[in-house]
């Protein structure tokens, strides 16, 4: 089956860090443009970051300088390193391959 599975979310204090993972099966992440989205309670889907086939990452203005996207081809896993987290980063985070998303992983930033 072709699927992605996100993990790594949790509750963290403002200023904290988390590492989100997205394990892919049924395809190679290096062959596709991979994306991270997030959805905060009561809000629409927000594009967070993208990683092209060359491994070049792109970021939304709200996370630029704080989040880092990378991949491990051997593990077929996409990562999103979140640092200097803010309460407004609270959301369900999804990785995406051309519209295919998993169940997401919840990030909650609160003191």
Protein backbone atom coordinates (compact mmCIF):
# COMPACT_ATOMS: atom_id res chain seq x y z
CA UNK A 1 0.00 0.00 0.00
CA UNK A 2 1.04 3.56 -0.66
CA UNK A 3 0.87 5.50 2.58
CA UNK A 4 2.57 7.96 4.89
CA UNK A 5 2.60 7.85 8.65
CA UNK A 6 3.39 10.91 10.75
CA UNK A 7 4.70 10.82 14.31
CA UNK A 8 6.66 12.83 16.83
CA UNK A 9 4.11 15.38 17.96
CA UNK A 10 3.41 16.23 21.57
CA UNK A 11 2.98 18.92 24.18
CA UNK A 12 5.87 21.36 24.44
CA UNK A 13 6.44 24.69 26.14
CA UNK A 14 6.96 27.88 24.14
CA UNK A 15 10.52 28.02 22.92
CA UNK A 16 10.79 24.24 22.84
CA UNK A 17 11.57 21.86 20.01
CA UNK A 18 10.12 18.75 18.41
CA UNK A 19 11.15 16.45 15.59
CA UNK A 20 8.31 15.19 13.42
CA UNK A 21 8.77 12.13 11.22
CA UNK A 22 6.89 10.90 8.20
CA UNK A 23 7.58 7.33 7.20
CA UNK A 24 6.59 6.49 3.65
CA UNK A 25 5.73 3.08 2.26
CA UNK A 26 4.91 1.99 -1.26
CA UNK A 27 6.96 4.73 -2.89
CA UNK A 28 10.32 6.49 -2.56
CA UNK A 29 10.13 9.95 -1.03
CA UNK A 30 13.17 10.98 -3.07
CA UNK A 31 11.08 10.60 -6.24
CA UNK A 32 8.44 13.11 -5.18
CA UNK A 33 7.99 16.67 -4.01
CA UNK A 34 7.02 16.21 -0.37
CA UNK A 35 5.12 18.75 1.66
CA UNK A 36 4.29 19.48 5.27
CA UNK A 37 0.92 21.05 6.04
CA UNK A 38 -0.71 21.94 9.32
CA UNK A 39 -4.21 22.68 10.46
CA UNK A 40 -4.94 24.61 13.62
CA UNK A 41 -8.27 24.20 15.42
CA UNK A 42 -11.01 26.00 13.53
CA UNK A 43 -8.69 27.05 10.71
CA UNK A 44 -7.91 25.90 7.21
CA UNK A 45 -4.97 23.90 5.97
CA UNK A 46 -1.71 25.86 5.96
CA UNK A 47 1.29 25.01 3.83
CA UNK A 48 4.36 24.80 6.06
CA UNK A 49 7.23 23.47 3.98
CA UNK A 50 8.13 21.62 0.82
CA UNK A 51 11.12 19.53 -0.22
CA UNK A 52 11.90 19.06 -3.88
CA UNK A 53 13.59 16.11 -5.56
CA UNK A 54 16.98 17.79 -5.26
CA UNK A 55 16.52 18.08 -1.52
CA UNK A 56 15.99 21.82 -1.53
CA UNK A 57 13.56 22.94 1.14
CA UNK A 58 11.09 25.80 1.03
CA UNK A 59 9.23 27.34 3.96
CA UNK A 60 6.21 29.44 4.73
CA UNK A 61 6.88 32.87 6.16
CA UNK A 62 5.43 31.96 9.54
CA UNK A 63 7.98 29.17 10.12
CA UNK A 64 11.01 30.34 8.16
CA UNK A 65 14.13 30.30 10.31
CA UNK A 66 12.51 28.06 12.93
CA UNK A 67 11.56 24.87 11.07
CA UNK A 68 13.81 22.63 8.98
CA UNK A 69 12.71 19.94 6.54
CA UNK A 70 14.97 17.06 5.61
CA UNK A 71 14.79 13.47 4.47
CA UNK A 72 16.64 10.22 4.96
CA UNK A 73 16.40 8.25 1.74
CA UNK A 74 17.71 5.08 3.33
CA UNK A 75 14.91 5.19 5.89
CA UNK A 76 12.42 6.57 3.36
CA UNK A 77 11.50 9.13 5.99
CA UNK A 78 10.75 12.84 5.82
CA UNK A 79 11.47 15.00 8.86
CA UNK A 80 10.34 18.37 10.13
CA UNK A 81 12.48 19.83 12.90
CA UNK A 82 10.52 22.41 14.86
CA UNK A 83 12.42 24.87 17.04
CA UNK A 84 11.56 28.02 18.97
CA UNK A 85 7.96 26.88 19.03
CA UNK A 86 5.17 29.37 19.61
CA UNK A 87 1.59 28.85 20.77
CA UNK A 88 0.42 29.70 17.27
CA UNK A 89 2.27 26.64 15.99
CA UNK A 90 -0.32 24.47 17.73
CA UNK A 91 -1.90 22.35 15.01
CA UNK A 92 -2.22 18.91 13.51
CA UNK A 93 0.76 18.38 11.21
CA UNK A 94 0.55 16.30 8.05
CA UNK A 95 3.06 15.22 5.47
CA UNK A 96 1.79 15.04 1.93
CA UNK A 97 2.70 13.34 -1.30
CA UNK A 98 0.52 14.68 -4.10
CA UNK A 99 -2.56 14.75 -1.92
CA UNK A 100 -1.83 11.58 0.02
CA UNK A 101 -1.68 12.31 3.76
CA UNK A 102 -1.62 10.29 6.90
CA UNK A 103 -3.54 10.72 10.13
CA UNK A 104 -1.28 13.55 11.18
CA UNK A 105 0.52 14.22 14.42
CA UNK A 106 -0.64 16.77 16.98
CA UNK A 107 1.67 19.54 18.14
CA UNK A 108 0.53 21.58 21.12
CA UNK A 109 2.58 24.53 22.33
CA UNK A 110 1.51 25.71 25.74
CA UNK A 111 2.95 26.71 29.08
